């Protein structure tokens, strides 16, 4: 059973979306993971969110490592430390209801 774990940081909610890495030999028994993060504002009643993939690099060997990397990446995006990943620009582009 999978549980959804959400990290709360500076008025935002971040969810690490971990998925199996599909590269390499499909017959190999190596399990590696990649991750993206979904970030939304806690005070947004519509829960409009933005999705960001982690930069290219080696896939993670454990689910926990991938999840922790996702949350750290989300914190860096929220703090404005990731060039080209702005929550303000993503929120402005989101469709309004």
Protein backbone atom coordinates (compact mmCIF):
# COMPACT_ATOMS: atom_id res chain seq x y z
CA UNK A 1 0.00 0.00 0.00
CA UNK A 2 1.40 3.40 -0.97
CA UNK A 3 0.86 6.42 1.22
CA UNK A 4 0.92 10.02 0.11
CA UNK A 5 3.38 12.03 2.17
CA UNK A 6 3.29 15.79 1.93
CA UNK A 7 5.96 18.17 3.18
CA UNK A 8 4.79 21.61 4.35
CA UNK A 9 7.26 24.49 4.02
CA UNK A 10 6.78 28.27 4.21
CA UNK A 11 3.06 28.18 3.33
CA UNK A 12 3.43 25.59 0.55
CA UNK A 13 2.70 21.88 0.29
CA UNK A 14 5.14 19.70 -1.61
CA UNK A 15 4.54 16.14 -2.74
CA UNK A 16 7.41 14.01 -4.05
CA UNK A 17 6.22 11.96 -7.03
CA UNK A 18 8.59 9.01 -7.34
CA UNK A 19 8.48 6.76 -10.37
CA UNK A 20 10.47 3.82 -11.67
CA UNK A 21 13.33 4.69 -14.01
CA UNK A 22 12.53 3.15 -17.39
CA UNK A 23 15.99 3.43 -18.87
CA UNK A 24 18.38 0.55 -19.25
CA UNK A 25 17.85 -3.15 -19.88
CA UNK A 26 14.27 -4.14 -18.95
CA UNK A 27 15.48 -7.65 -18.10
CA UNK A 28 17.87 -6.37 -15.47
CA UNK A 29 16.71 -6.63 -11.87
CA UNK A 30 18.01 -3.19 -10.96
CA UNK A 31 15.37 -0.94 -9.45
CA UNK A 32 16.09 2.74 -9.74
CA UNK A 33 13.81 5.72 -9.33
CA UNK A 34 13.37 9.24 -10.67
CA UNK A 35 11.36 11.98 -9.02
CA UNK A 36 9.28 15.08 -9.70
CA UNK A 37 7.63 17.39 -7.19
CA UNK A 38 4.15 18.90 -7.09
CA UNK A 39 3.97 22.20 -5.20
CA UNK A 40 0.85 24.10 -4.21
CA UNK A 41 0.07 26.98 -1.87
CA UNK A 42 -1.52 25.97 1.43
CA UNK A 43 -3.95 28.91 1.27
CA UNK A 44 -5.20 28.12 -2.27
CA UNK A 45 -8.70 26.62 -1.94
CA UNK A 46 -8.54 25.31 -5.54
CA UNK A 47 -5.20 23.60 -4.76
CA UNK A 48 -3.68 24.76 -8.05
CA UNK A 49 -0.29 23.10 -8.28
CA UNK A 50 2.90 23.28 -10.30
CA UNK A 51 4.94 20.25 -11.31
CA UNK A 52 8.74 20.23 -11.52
CA UNK A 53 11.03 17.36 -12.54
CA UNK A 54 14.35 17.08 -10.79
CA UNK A 55 17.31 17.91 -13.02
CA UNK A 56 18.88 15.15 -15.05
CA UNK A 57 21.35 12.98 -13.23
CA UNK A 58 21.80 9.50 -11.95
CA UNK A 59 18.55 7.86 -10.83
CA UNK A 60 18.08 7.11 -7.14
CA UNK A 61 18.61 3.57 -5.88
CA UNK A 62 16.03 3.73 -3.11
CA UNK A 63 12.53 5.08 -2.81
CA UNK A 64 13.46 6.97 0.35
CA UNK A 65 16.46 8.69 -1.26
CA UNK A 66 14.31 9.76 -4.21
CA UNK A 67 11.59 11.10 -1.92
CA UNK A 68 14.05 13.06 0.24
CA UNK A 69 15.70 14.53 -2.87
CA UNK A 70 12.27 15.59 -4.13
CA UNK A 71 11.42 17.40 -0.91
CA UNK A 72 14.81 19.13 -0.84
CA UNK A 73 14.34 20.23 -4.46
CA UNK A 74 10.89 21.59 -3.57
CA UNK A 75 12.38 23.62 -0.70
CA UNK A 76 14.97 25.07 -3.06
CA UNK A 77 12.26 26.02 -5.59
CA UNK A 78 10.17 27.66 -2.86
CA UNK A 79 13.25 29.59 -1.67
CA UNK A 80 13.89 30.76 -5.26
CA UNK A 81 17.26 29.00 -5.55
CA UNK A 82 16.48 27.01 -8.74
CA UNK A 83 16.94 29.07 -11.92
CA UNK A 84 14.00 28.78 -14.30
CA UNK A 85 11.69 27.26 -11.67
CA UNK A 86 9.45 30.02 -10.38
CA UNK A 87 6.26 29.40 -8.48
CA UNK A 88 5.06 32.94 -9.25
CA UNK A 89 5.35 32.38 -13.01
CA UNK A 90 3.71 28.96 -12.75
CA UNK A 91 0.84 30.38 -10.69
CA UNK A 92 0.31 33.21 -13.18
CA UNK A 93 0.01 30.69 -16.02
CA UNK A 94 -2.44 28.46 -14.17
CA UNK A 95 -6.01 28.63 -15.47
CA UNK A 96 -8.42 30.48 -13.22
CA UNK A 97 -11.82 29.02 -12.35
